[in-house]
Structure formats: C-alpha cells, structure tokens
Amino acid sequence: MYPVLRDGDEVDVDLDAFAAAAPRAGEIVLLRHPFRRGVTIVKRVLRVEDDGRVFVVGEDAVGSSDSRGFGALPPESVIGRVIIPPV
C-alpha cells in the first residue's frame, strides 16, 4: 500500500477544524514537531488520550518519526486538519 502523501505533495489545511472539537482517530493532521523548532509534520491520528493528547503515526512504520518515538503530543501541537485532494 502506498502512502496517502509523498514528500513534496501540496495539501490544504483547515486551520479552524479543531476550534470546537478534538481530532478523531483516522484524521490526518498538520502538527508542530516536538523537538525541531519551526518544523511541521503531517501524521495520522491513531488515538486521542483522555487528557486530550494526540498519538500520531506516520504511514511508514519503520522510517517515520512519530508518537512511537516521541510520545503523544499536546493538543496545542495540532495546527489543523489536512485536506487530501481527490485522486
């Protein structure tokens, strides 16, 4: 199975998507990288924890930098929902 997005793909981001509700499992989101200032990452939400933190994973289970390595992220790390263009 191919990743939904590849390096260099352009996407739209709904910056207001989570103003009233938290992301849900399965949604693709744009996030602030937890350790690299000024870097954003696109990941899929695997789950939202009871405290609102989001556990995100990349499409590449082996090479992805995601919550399996850096843990769940606080809700303020989520910038918006990625809108995948139709194929």
C-alpha atoms as a PDB file:
ATOM      1  CA  MET A   1       0.000   0.000   0.000  1.00  0.00           C
ATOM      2  CA  TYR A   2       1.330   3.434  -0.935  1.00  0.00           C
ATOM      3  CA  PRO A   3       1.345   6.367   1.481  1.00  0.00           C
ATOM      4  CA  VAL A   4      -1.503   8.850   1.097  1.00  0.00           C
ATOM      5  CA  LEU A   5       1.024  11.674   0.755  1.00  0.00           C
ATOM      6  CA  ARG A   6       4.566  11.749  -0.562  1.00  0.00           C
ATOM      7  CA  ASP A   7       7.382  14.237   0.049  1.00  0.00           C
ATOM      8  CA  GLY A   8       6.707  17.363  -1.964  1.00  0.00           C
ATOM      9  CA  ASP A   9       2.926  16.904  -2.221  1.00  0.00           C
ATOM     10  CA  GLU A  10       0.942  20.059  -1.600  1.00  0.00           C
ATOM     11  CA  VAL A  11      -2.153  19.962   0.583  1.00  0.00           C
ATOM     12  CA  ASP A  12      -4.681  22.353   2.019  1.00  0.00           C
ATOM     13  CA  VAL A  13      -5.046  22.634   5.773  1.00  0.00           C
ATOM     14  CA  ASP A  14      -8.238  23.567   7.619  1.00  0.00           C
ATOM     15  CA  LEU A  15      -6.850  25.730  10.419  1.00  0.00           C
ATOM     16  CA  ASP A  16     -10.231  26.005  12.148  1.00  0.00           C
ATOM     17  CA  ALA A  17     -11.080  22.292  12.101  1.00  0.00           C
ATOM     18  CA  PHE A  18     -10.333  21.737  15.772  1.00  0.00           C
ATOM     19  CA  ALA A  19     -11.505  25.020  17.251  1.00  0.00           C
ATOM     20  CA  ALA A  20     -14.539  23.328  18.791  1.00  0.00           C
ATOM     21  CA  ALA A  21     -13.625  19.640  18.820  1.00  0.00           C
ATOM     22  CA  ALA A  22     -10.531  17.488  19.154  1.00  0.00           C
ATOM     23  CA  PRO A  23      -9.179  15.482  16.231  1.00  0.00           C
ATOM     24  CA  ARG A  24     -10.535  11.959  15.851  1.00  0.00           C
ATOM     25  CA  ALA A  25      -8.719   8.716  15.173  1.00  0.00           C
ATOM     26  CA  GLY A  26      -8.023   8.308  11.474  1.00  0.00           C
ATOM     27  CA  GLU A  27      -7.794  12.011  10.656  1.00  0.00           C
ATOM     28  CA  ILE A  28      -4.645  13.364   9.017  1.00  0.00           C
ATOM     29  CA  VAL A  29      -3.307  16.440  10.774  1.00  0.00           C
ATOM     30  CA  LEU A  30      -0.569  19.044  10.469  1.00  0.00           C
ATOM     31  CA  LEU A  31       1.467  19.333  13.684  1.00  0.00           C
ATOM     32  CA  ARG A  32       4.377  21.233  15.150  1.00  0.00           C
ATOM     33  CA  HIS A  33       7.348  18.879  15.501  1.00  0.00           C
ATOM     34  CA  PRO A  34       8.017  18.319  19.221  1.00  0.00           C
ATOM     35  CA  PHE A  35      11.800  18.731  19.024  1.00  0.00           C
ATOM     36  CA  ARG A  36      12.550  20.697  15.855  1.00  0.00           C
ATOM     37  CA  ARG A  37      11.505  24.312  16.130  1.00  0.00           C
ATOM     38  CA  GLY A  38       9.829  25.681  13.012  1.00  0.00           C
ATOM     39  CA  VAL A  39       9.291  22.217  11.535  1.00  0.00           C
ATOM     40  CA  THR A  40       5.823  20.879  10.808  1.00  0.00           C
ATOM     41  CA  ILE A  41       4.865  17.276  10.178  1.00  0.00           C
ATOM     42  CA  VAL A  42       1.850  15.517   8.691  1.00  0.00           C
ATOM     43  CA  LYS A  43       0.646  12.425  10.561  1.00  0.00           C
ATOM     44  CA  ARG A  44      -2.461  10.313  11.062  1.00  0.00           C
ATOM     45  CA  VAL A  45      -4.154  10.394  14.469  1.00  0.00           C
ATOM     46  CA  LEU A  46      -4.143   6.899  15.940  1.00  0.00           C
ATOM     47  CA  ARG A  47      -5.921   7.879  19.139  1.00  0.00           C
ATOM     48  CA  VAL A  48      -6.752  10.806  21.384  1.00  0.00           C
ATOM     49  CA  GLU A  49      -5.912  10.181  25.012  1.00  0.00           C
ATOM     50  CA  ASP A  50      -8.144  11.071  27.968  1.00  0.00           C
ATOM     51  CA  ASP A  51      -6.057  14.189  28.668  1.00  0.00           C
ATOM     52  CA  GLY A  52      -6.506  15.417  25.069  1.00  0.00           C
ATOM     53  CA  ARG A  53      -3.018  14.466  23.916  1.00  0.00           C
ATOM     54  CA  VAL A  54      -2.875  13.020  20.403  1.00  0.00           C
ATOM     55  CA  PHE A  55      -0.970   9.873  19.497  1.00  0.00           C
ATOM     56  CA  VAL A  56       0.041  10.158  15.848  1.00  0.00           C
ATOM     57  CA  VAL A  57       1.672   7.741  13.435  1.00  0.00           C
ATOM     58  CA  GLY A  58       3.217   8.013  10.009  1.00  0.00           C
ATOM     59  CA  GLU A  59       2.425   5.838   7.024  1.00  0.00           C
ATOM     60  CA  ASP A  60       5.959   4.369   7.055  1.00  0.00           C
ATOM     61  CA  ALA A  61       6.001   2.136  10.127  1.00  0.00           C
ATOM     62  CA  VAL A  62       9.794   1.717  10.009  1.00  0.00           C
ATOM     63  CA  GLY A  63      11.101   5.130   8.952  1.00  0.00           C
ATOM     64  CA  SER A  64       8.537   7.534  10.370  1.00  0.00           C
ATOM     65  CA  SER A  65       9.223   9.981  13.170  1.00  0.00           C
ATOM     66  CA  ASP A  66       6.011   9.827  15.180  1.00  0.00           C
ATOM     67  CA  SER A  67       4.451   9.183  18.593  1.00  0.00           C
ATOM     68  CA  ARG A  68       6.001   5.725  18.763  1.00  0.00           C
ATOM     69  CA  GLY A  69       9.281   7.577  19.306  1.00  0.00           C
ATOM     70  CA  PHE A  70       8.341  10.924  20.853  1.00  0.00           C
ATOM     71  CA  GLY A  71       5.075  10.059  22.626  1.00  0.00           C
ATOM     72  CA  ALA A  72       1.643  11.651  22.464  1.00  0.00           C
ATOM     73  CA  LEU A  73       1.549  15.377  21.694  1.00  0.00           C
ATOM     74  CA  PRO A  74      -0.392  18.106  23.497  1.00  0.00           C
ATOM     75  CA  PRO A  75      -3.457  19.465  21.677  1.00  0.00           C
ATOM     76  CA  GLU A  76      -1.751  22.812  21.040  1.00  0.00           C
ATOM     77  CA  SER A  77       0.713  20.998  18.755  1.00  0.00           C
ATOM     78  CA  VAL A  78      -2.090  20.349  16.265  1.00  0.00           C
ATOM     79  CA  ILE A  79      -2.240  23.115  13.660  1.00  0.00           C
ATOM     80  CA  GLY A  80      -5.128  21.807  11.562  1.00  0.00           C
ATOM     81  CA  ARG A  81      -6.756  19.056   9.536  1.00  0.00           C
ATOM     82  CA  VAL A  82      -5.072  18.120   6.270  1.00  0.00           C
ATOM     83  CA  ILE A  83      -7.452  18.079   3.314  1.00  0.00           C
ATOM     84  CA  ILE A  84      -6.500  15.337   0.885  1.00  0.00           C
ATOM     85  CA  PRO A  85      -7.315  16.278  -2.709  1.00  0.00           C
ATOM     86  CA  PRO A  86      -9.373  13.722  -4.648  1.00  0.00           C
ATOM     87  CA  VAL A  87      -7.399  11.408  -6.915  1.00  0.00           C
END
